[in-house]
Amino acid sequence: MSFNLVDVGIENWLLYGGGVFLLIFSIAIVCFIRVSGKHIEREMKKEGILPPHWDSVMGLRYAMYAIVIVRNTVSPVSLVNDEAILRHARKKDRYLAAFYLVSGGLTLILATSYYFYAA
């Protein structure tokens, strides 16, 4: 029995692609939190700005940090301190934030496509 890539259906391509992008997204999460998130919070702590009290366990603030960094504007209403985040974000933080959001978006698109296509 030979294995031919043409015989592999679209369901399998979506499944394998989703798995690969899930792995890449996991790496992006770890890199962004360990490098950018910790740097931003350390610099904010030096100014006396504490992390949001509503996010003590889940770590949802890091996704909001990434969105603020990629958007590069101060929102009039925000759950995090946009000015401080933008003030302390470095160039590599912008790259890591973009990598984090793009890989998460692609993972979500592939997983949703697989769900609806294979159903």
N, C-alpha and C. Protein backbone atom coordinates (compact mmCIF):
# COMPACT_ATOMS: atom_id res chain seq x y z
N MET A 1 0.85 -1.18 0.00
CA MET A 1 0.00 0.00 0.00
C MET A 1 0.89 1.24 0.00
N SER A 2 0.67 2.10 -0.94
CA SER A 2 1.47 3.32 -1.03
C SER A 2 0.67 4.51 -0.52
N PHE A 3 1.39 5.49 -0.04
CA PHE A 3 0.77 6.70 0.49
C PHE A 3 0.91 7.80 -0.55
N ASN A 4 -0.22 8.36 -0.97
CA ASN A 4 -0.22 9.39 -1.98
C ASN A 4 -0.88 10.63 -1.39
N LEU A 5 -0.22 11.78 -1.48
CA LEU A 5 -0.77 13.00 -0.90
C LEU A 5 -2.03 13.47 -1.61
N VAL A 6 -2.20 13.08 -2.86
CA VAL A 6 -3.40 13.48 -3.60
C VAL A 6 -4.63 12.77 -3.04
N ASP A 7 -4.44 11.56 -2.54
CA ASP A 7 -5.56 10.80 -2.00
C ASP A 7 -6.04 11.30 -0.65
N VAL A 8 -5.24 12.12 0.01
CA VAL A 8 -5.63 12.64 1.31
C VAL A 8 -6.70 13.71 1.08
N GLY A 9 -7.83 13.58 1.76
CA GLY A 9 -8.95 14.49 1.57
C GLY A 9 -8.72 15.84 2.24
N ILE A 10 -9.62 16.76 1.92
CA ILE A 10 -9.53 18.10 2.48
C ILE A 10 -9.71 18.09 3.99
N GLU A 11 -10.49 17.12 4.50
CA GLU A 11 -10.68 17.03 5.95
C GLU A 11 -9.35 16.79 6.65
N ASN A 12 -8.56 15.88 6.07
CA ASN A 12 -7.26 15.59 6.67
C ASN A 12 -6.30 16.77 6.57
N TRP A 13 -6.33 17.48 5.45
CA TRP A 13 -5.48 18.66 5.33
C TRP A 13 -5.85 19.71 6.36
N LEU A 14 -7.16 19.92 6.56
CA LEU A 14 -7.59 20.88 7.58
C LEU A 14 -7.19 20.42 8.97
N LEU A 15 -7.32 19.13 9.23
CA LEU A 15 -6.97 18.59 10.54
C LEU A 15 -5.47 18.72 10.80
N TYR A 16 -4.65 18.32 9.84
CA TYR A 16 -3.20 18.40 10.02
C TYR A 16 -2.73 19.85 10.09
N GLY A 17 -3.29 20.68 9.22
CA GLY A 17 -2.93 22.10 9.26
C GLY A 17 -3.32 22.75 10.57
N GLY A 18 -4.50 22.39 11.07
CA GLY A 18 -4.93 22.91 12.37
C GLY A 18 -4.01 22.46 13.49
N GLY A 19 -3.57 21.21 13.42
CA GLY A 19 -2.64 20.71 14.43
C GLY A 19 -1.30 21.43 14.40
N VAL A 20 -0.80 21.67 13.20
CA VAL A 20 0.48 22.38 13.07
C VAL A 20 0.33 23.81 13.57
N PHE A 21 -0.75 24.48 13.17
CA PHE A 21 -0.94 25.86 13.61
C PHE A 21 -1.24 25.94 15.10
N LEU A 22 -1.85 24.91 15.67
CA LEU A 22 -2.05 24.89 17.12
C LEU A 22 -0.71 24.82 17.84
N LEU A 23 0.20 24.03 17.31
CA LEU A 23 1.55 23.96 17.88
C LEU A 23 2.27 25.30 17.75
N ILE A 24 2.16 25.92 16.58
CA ILE A 24 2.79 27.23 16.38
C ILE A 24 2.16 28.27 17.29
N PHE A 25 0.84 28.24 17.45
CA PHE A 25 0.15 29.17 18.34
C PHE A 25 0.59 28.97 19.78
N SER A 26 0.78 27.73 20.19
CA SER A 26 1.25 27.46 21.55
C SER A 26 2.64 28.05 21.78
N ILE A 27 3.50 27.92 20.79
CA ILE A 27 4.84 28.51 20.89
C ILE A 27 4.75 30.03 20.94
N ALA A 28 3.85 30.61 20.15
CA ALA A 28 3.67 32.07 20.14
C ALA A 28 3.17 32.57 21.49
N ILE A 29 2.26 31.83 22.11
CA ILE A 29 1.75 32.22 23.42
C ILE A 29 2.88 32.26 24.44
N VAL A 30 3.66 31.19 24.48
CA VAL A 30 4.76 31.12 25.45
C VAL A 30 5.77 32.23 25.20
N CYS A 31 6.14 32.44 23.96
CA CYS A 31 7.13 33.48 23.64
C CYS A 31 6.62 34.87 24.00
N PHE A 32 5.38 35.18 23.65
CA PHE A 32 4.86 36.51 23.93
C PHE A 32 4.75 36.76 25.43
N ILE A 33 4.24 35.80 26.17
CA ILE A 33 4.08 36.00 27.61
C ILE A 33 5.44 36.10 28.30
N ARG A 34 6.36 35.20 27.96
CA ARG A 34 7.66 35.16 28.65
C ARG A 34 8.55 36.35 28.28
N VAL A 35 8.47 36.82 27.05
CA VAL A 35 9.36 37.90 26.63
C VAL A 35 8.66 39.26 26.77
N SER A 36 7.58 39.45 26.05
CA SER A 36 6.94 40.76 25.99
C SER A 36 6.08 41.06 27.21
N GLY A 37 5.24 40.10 27.58
CA GLY A 37 4.33 40.34 28.70
C GLY A 37 5.06 40.62 29.99
N LYS A 38 6.07 39.83 30.29
CA LYS A 38 6.83 40.04 31.53
C LYS A 38 7.61 41.34 31.49
N HIS A 39 8.16 41.71 30.33
CA HIS A 39 8.88 42.98 30.22
C HIS A 39 7.94 44.16 30.46
N ILE A 40 6.79 44.14 29.82
CA ILE A 40 5.83 45.24 29.97
C ILE A 40 5.36 45.34 31.41
N GLU A 41 5.05 44.22 32.03
CA GLU A 41 4.58 44.27 33.42
C GLU A 41 5.68 44.69 34.38
N ARG A 42 6.92 44.31 34.11
CA ARG A 42 8.04 44.73 34.96
C ARG A 42 8.24 46.24 34.87
N GLU A 43 8.17 46.78 33.66
CA GLU A 43 8.32 48.23 33.48
C GLU A 43 7.14 49.00 34.07
N MET A 44 5.94 48.44 33.95
CA MET A 44 4.77 49.09 34.54
C MET A 44 4.85 49.06 36.06
N LYS A 45 5.39 47.99 36.61
CA LYS A 45 5.53 47.88 38.07
C LYS A 45 6.51 48.92 38.59
N LYS A 46 7.55 49.23 37.81
CA LYS A 46 8.50 50.28 38.20
C LYS A 46 7.81 51.63 38.32
N GLU A 47 6.77 51.85 37.50
CA GLU A 47 6.01 53.10 37.54
C GLU A 47 4.90 53.06 38.59
N GLY A 48 4.71 51.91 39.21
CA GLY A 48 3.65 51.78 40.21
C GLY A 48 2.32 51.35 39.64
N ILE A 49 2.31 50.89 38.40
CA ILE A 49 1.07 50.43 37.76
C ILE A 49 1.01 48.92 37.91
N LEU A 50 -0.02 48.43 38.57
CA LEU A 50 -0.18 47.00 38.79
C LEU A 50 -0.96 46.36 37.66
N PRO A 51 -0.79 45.04 37.46
CA PRO A 51 -1.60 44.34 36.45
C PRO A 51 -3.08 44.41 36.83
N PRO A 52 -3.97 44.25 35.87
CA PRO A 52 -5.40 44.32 36.17
C PRO A 52 -5.79 43.30 37.24
N HIS A 53 -6.57 43.74 38.21
CA HIS A 53 -6.97 42.84 39.30
C HIS A 53 -8.00 41.81 38.86
N TRP A 54 -8.69 42.05 37.77
CA TRP A 54 -9.71 41.12 37.30
C TRP A 54 -9.10 39.88 36.64
N ASP A 55 -7.83 39.94 36.31
CA ASP A 55 -7.18 38.83 35.62
C ASP A 55 -6.07 38.26 36.50
N SER A 56 -6.46 37.52 37.50
CA SER A 56 -5.46 37.00 38.43
C SER A 56 -4.96 35.62 38.02
N VAL A 57 -5.74 34.84 37.28
CA VAL A 57 -5.37 33.46 36.98
C VAL A 57 -5.30 33.18 35.49
N MET A 58 -6.26 33.63 34.72
CA MET A 58 -6.42 33.19 33.33
C MET A 58 -5.34 33.71 32.37
N GLY A 59 -4.84 34.90 32.58
CA GLY A 59 -3.85 35.46 31.67
C GLY A 59 -4.46 36.10 30.43
N LEU A 60 -5.71 36.49 30.49
CA LEU A 60 -6.35 37.11 29.33
C LEU A 60 -5.78 38.50 29.04
N ARG A 61 -5.13 39.09 30.03
CA ARG A 61 -4.56 40.42 29.81
C ARG A 61 -3.47 40.39 28.74
N TYR A 62 -2.80 39.26 28.56
CA TYR A 62 -1.74 39.18 27.56
C TYR A 62 -2.30 39.28 26.15
N ALA A 63 -3.45 38.72 25.91
CA ALA A 63 -4.09 38.88 24.60
C ALA A 63 -4.47 40.34 24.38
N MET A 64 -4.92 40.99 25.44
CA MET A 64 -5.26 42.41 25.32
C MET A 64 -4.00 43.25 25.11
N TYR A 65 -2.90 42.88 25.76
CA TYR A 65 -1.63 43.57 25.53
C TYR A 65 -1.25 43.46 24.05
N ALA A 66 -1.37 42.26 23.49
CA ALA A 66 -1.00 42.04 22.09
C ALA A 66 -1.88 42.86 21.16
N ILE A 67 -3.17 42.92 21.43
CA ILE A 67 -4.07 43.71 20.59
C ILE A 67 -3.71 45.19 20.65
N VAL A 68 -3.42 45.69 21.84
CA VAL A 68 -3.05 47.10 21.99
C VAL A 68 -1.75 47.39 21.24
N ILE A 69 -0.78 46.49 21.35
CA ILE A 69 0.51 46.70 20.69
C ILE A 69 0.36 46.68 19.17
N VAL A 70 -0.41 45.74 18.65
CA VAL A 70 -0.58 45.67 17.19
C VAL A 70 -1.42 46.84 16.68
N ARG A 71 -2.45 47.20 17.42
CA ARG A 71 -3.32 48.31 17.01
C ARG A 71 -2.58 49.63 17.09
N ASN A 72 -1.68 49.78 18.07
CA ASN A 72 -0.81 50.95 18.23
C ASN A 72 -1.58 52.26 18.44
N THR A 73 -2.75 52.17 19.02
CA THR A 73 -3.51 53.37 19.38
C THR A 73 -4.08 53.19 20.78
N VAL A 74 -4.39 54.31 21.40
CA VAL A 74 -4.97 54.29 22.74
C VAL A 74 -6.48 54.30 22.60
N SER A 75 -7.11 53.31 23.18
CA SER A 75 -8.56 53.21 23.13
C SER A 75 -9.17 54.10 24.21
N PRO A 76 -10.31 54.75 23.93
CA PRO A 76 -10.93 55.59 24.95
C PRO A 76 -11.43 54.79 26.15
N VAL A 77 -11.85 53.55 25.92
CA VAL A 77 -12.30 52.68 27.01
C VAL A 77 -11.56 51.36 26.86
N SER A 78 -10.79 51.01 27.88
CA SER A 78 -10.00 49.79 27.81
C SER A 78 -9.89 49.17 29.19
N LEU A 79 -9.74 47.85 29.23
CA LEU A 79 -9.58 47.15 30.50
C LEU A 79 -8.14 47.13 30.98
N VAL A 80 -7.21 47.51 30.11
CA VAL A 80 -5.80 47.59 30.47
C VAL A 80 -5.30 49.01 30.19
N ASN A 81 -4.14 49.35 30.72
CA ASN A 81 -3.58 50.68 30.57
C ASN A 81 -2.86 50.78 29.22
N ASP A 82 -3.57 51.26 28.21
CA ASP A 82 -3.02 51.31 26.85
C ASP A 82 -1.79 52.20 26.75
N GLU A 83 -1.82 53.36 27.42
CA GLU A 83 -0.69 54.28 27.32
C GLU A 83 0.59 53.64 27.84
N ALA A 84 0.49 52.99 28.98
CA ALA A 84 1.68 52.36 29.57
C ALA A 84 2.18 51.20 28.71
N ILE A 85 1.27 50.44 28.16
CA ILE A 85 1.66 49.31 27.31
C ILE A 85 2.40 49.82 26.07
N LEU A 86 1.86 50.83 25.43
CA LEU A 86 2.51 51.37 24.23
C LEU A 86 3.83 52.06 24.56
N ARG A 87 3.92 52.66 25.73
CA ARG A 87 5.14 53.34 26.13
C ARG A 87 6.29 52.34 26.35
N HIS A 88 5.96 51.15 26.85
CA HIS A 88 7.00 50.17 27.18
C HIS A 88 7.19 49.09 26.12
N ALA A 89 6.39 49.10 25.08
CA ALA A 89 6.52 48.07 24.03
C ALA A 89 7.73 48.36 23.16
N ARG A 90 8.53 47.33 22.95
CA ARG A 90 9.71 47.43 22.09
C ARG A 90 9.36 46.92 20.70
N LYS A 91 10.32 47.04 19.78
CA LYS A 91 10.08 46.59 18.41
C LYS A 91 9.85 45.08 18.37
N LYS A 92 10.64 44.32 19.13
CA LYS A 92 10.44 42.87 19.13
C LYS A 92 9.12 42.48 19.77
N ASP A 93 8.60 43.31 20.68
CA ASP A 93 7.28 43.05 21.26
C ASP A 93 6.19 43.18 20.20
N ARG A 94 6.38 44.13 19.29
CA ARG A 94 5.41 44.29 18.20
C ARG A 94 5.41 43.08 17.27
N TYR A 95 6.59 42.57 16.96
CA TYR A 95 6.68 41.36 16.13
C TYR A 95 6.07 40.15 16.83
N LEU A 96 6.38 39.98 18.11
CA LEU A 96 5.82 38.85 18.85
C LEU A 96 4.31 38.96 18.99
N ALA A 97 3.80 40.18 19.18
CA ALA A 97 2.35 40.37 19.28
C ALA A 97 1.67 40.04 17.96
N ALA A 98 2.26 40.48 16.85
CA ALA A 98 1.68 40.16 15.54
C ALA A 98 1.73 38.66 15.28
N PHE A 99 2.84 38.02 15.61
CA PHE A 99 2.98 36.57 15.46
C PHE A 99 1.93 35.84 16.30
N TYR A 100 1.72 36.30 17.51
CA TYR A 100 0.74 35.72 18.43
C TYR A 100 -0.68 35.83 17.86
N LEU A 101 -1.05 37.01 17.40
CA LEU A 101 -2.42 37.21 16.91
C LEU A 101 -2.66 36.53 15.57
N VAL A 102 -1.69 36.56 14.67
CA VAL A 102 -1.86 35.91 13.36
C VAL A 102 -1.94 34.40 13.51
N SER A 103 -1.06 33.83 14.32
CA SER A 103 -1.10 32.37 14.50
C SER A 103 -2.38 31.94 15.21
N GLY A 104 -2.85 32.74 16.14
CA GLY A 104 -4.13 32.42 16.80
C GLY A 104 -5.30 32.51 15.84
N GLY A 105 -5.28 33.53 14.99
CA GLY A 105 -6.35 33.68 14.01
C GLY A 105 -6.38 32.55 13.00
N LEU A 106 -5.20 32.17 12.51
CA LEU A 106 -5.14 31.06 11.54
C LEU A 106 -5.56 29.74 12.18
N THR A 107 -5.17 29.52 13.43
CA THR A 107 -5.60 28.31 14.13
C THR A 107 -7.11 28.28 14.27
N LEU A 108 -7.69 29.41 14.62
CA LEU A 108 -9.15 29.48 14.77
C LEU A 108 -9.85 29.26 13.44
N ILE A 109 -9.33 29.83 12.37
CA ILE A 109 -9.94 29.65 11.05
C ILE A 109 -9.87 28.19 10.60
N LEU A 110 -8.72 27.56 10.78
CA LEU A 110 -8.58 26.15 10.38
C LEU A 110 -9.45 25.23 11.23
N ALA A 111 -9.51 25.48 12.52
CA ALA A 111 -10.34 24.64 13.39
C ALA A 111 -11.82 24.80 13.06
N THR A 112 -12.25 26.03 12.79
CA THR A 112 -13.65 26.27 12.44
C THR A 112 -13.97 25.65 11.08
N SER A 113 -13.07 25.79 10.13
CA SER A 113 -13.28 25.19 8.81
C SER A 113 -13.39 23.68 8.90
N TYR A 114 -12.52 23.07 9.69
CA TYR A 114 -12.57 21.62 9.86
C TYR A 114 -13.89 21.21 10.52
N TYR A 115 -14.33 21.96 11.49
CA TYR A 115 -15.57 21.64 12.19
C TYR A 115 -16.76 21.64 11.23
N PHE A 116 -16.87 22.68 10.41
CA PHE A 116 -18.02 22.78 9.52
C PHE A 116 -17.88 21.90 8.28
N TYR A 117 -16.66 21.68 7.81
CA TYR A 117 -16.48 20.87 6.61
C TYR A 117 -16.63 19.39 6.91
N ALA A 118 -16.11 18.95 8.04
CA ALA A 118 -16.14 17.52 8.37
C ALA A 118 -17.46 17.10 9.01
N ALA A 119 -18.28 18.04 9.38
CA ALA A 119 -19.54 17.69 10.06
C ALA A 119 -20.56 17.06 9.15
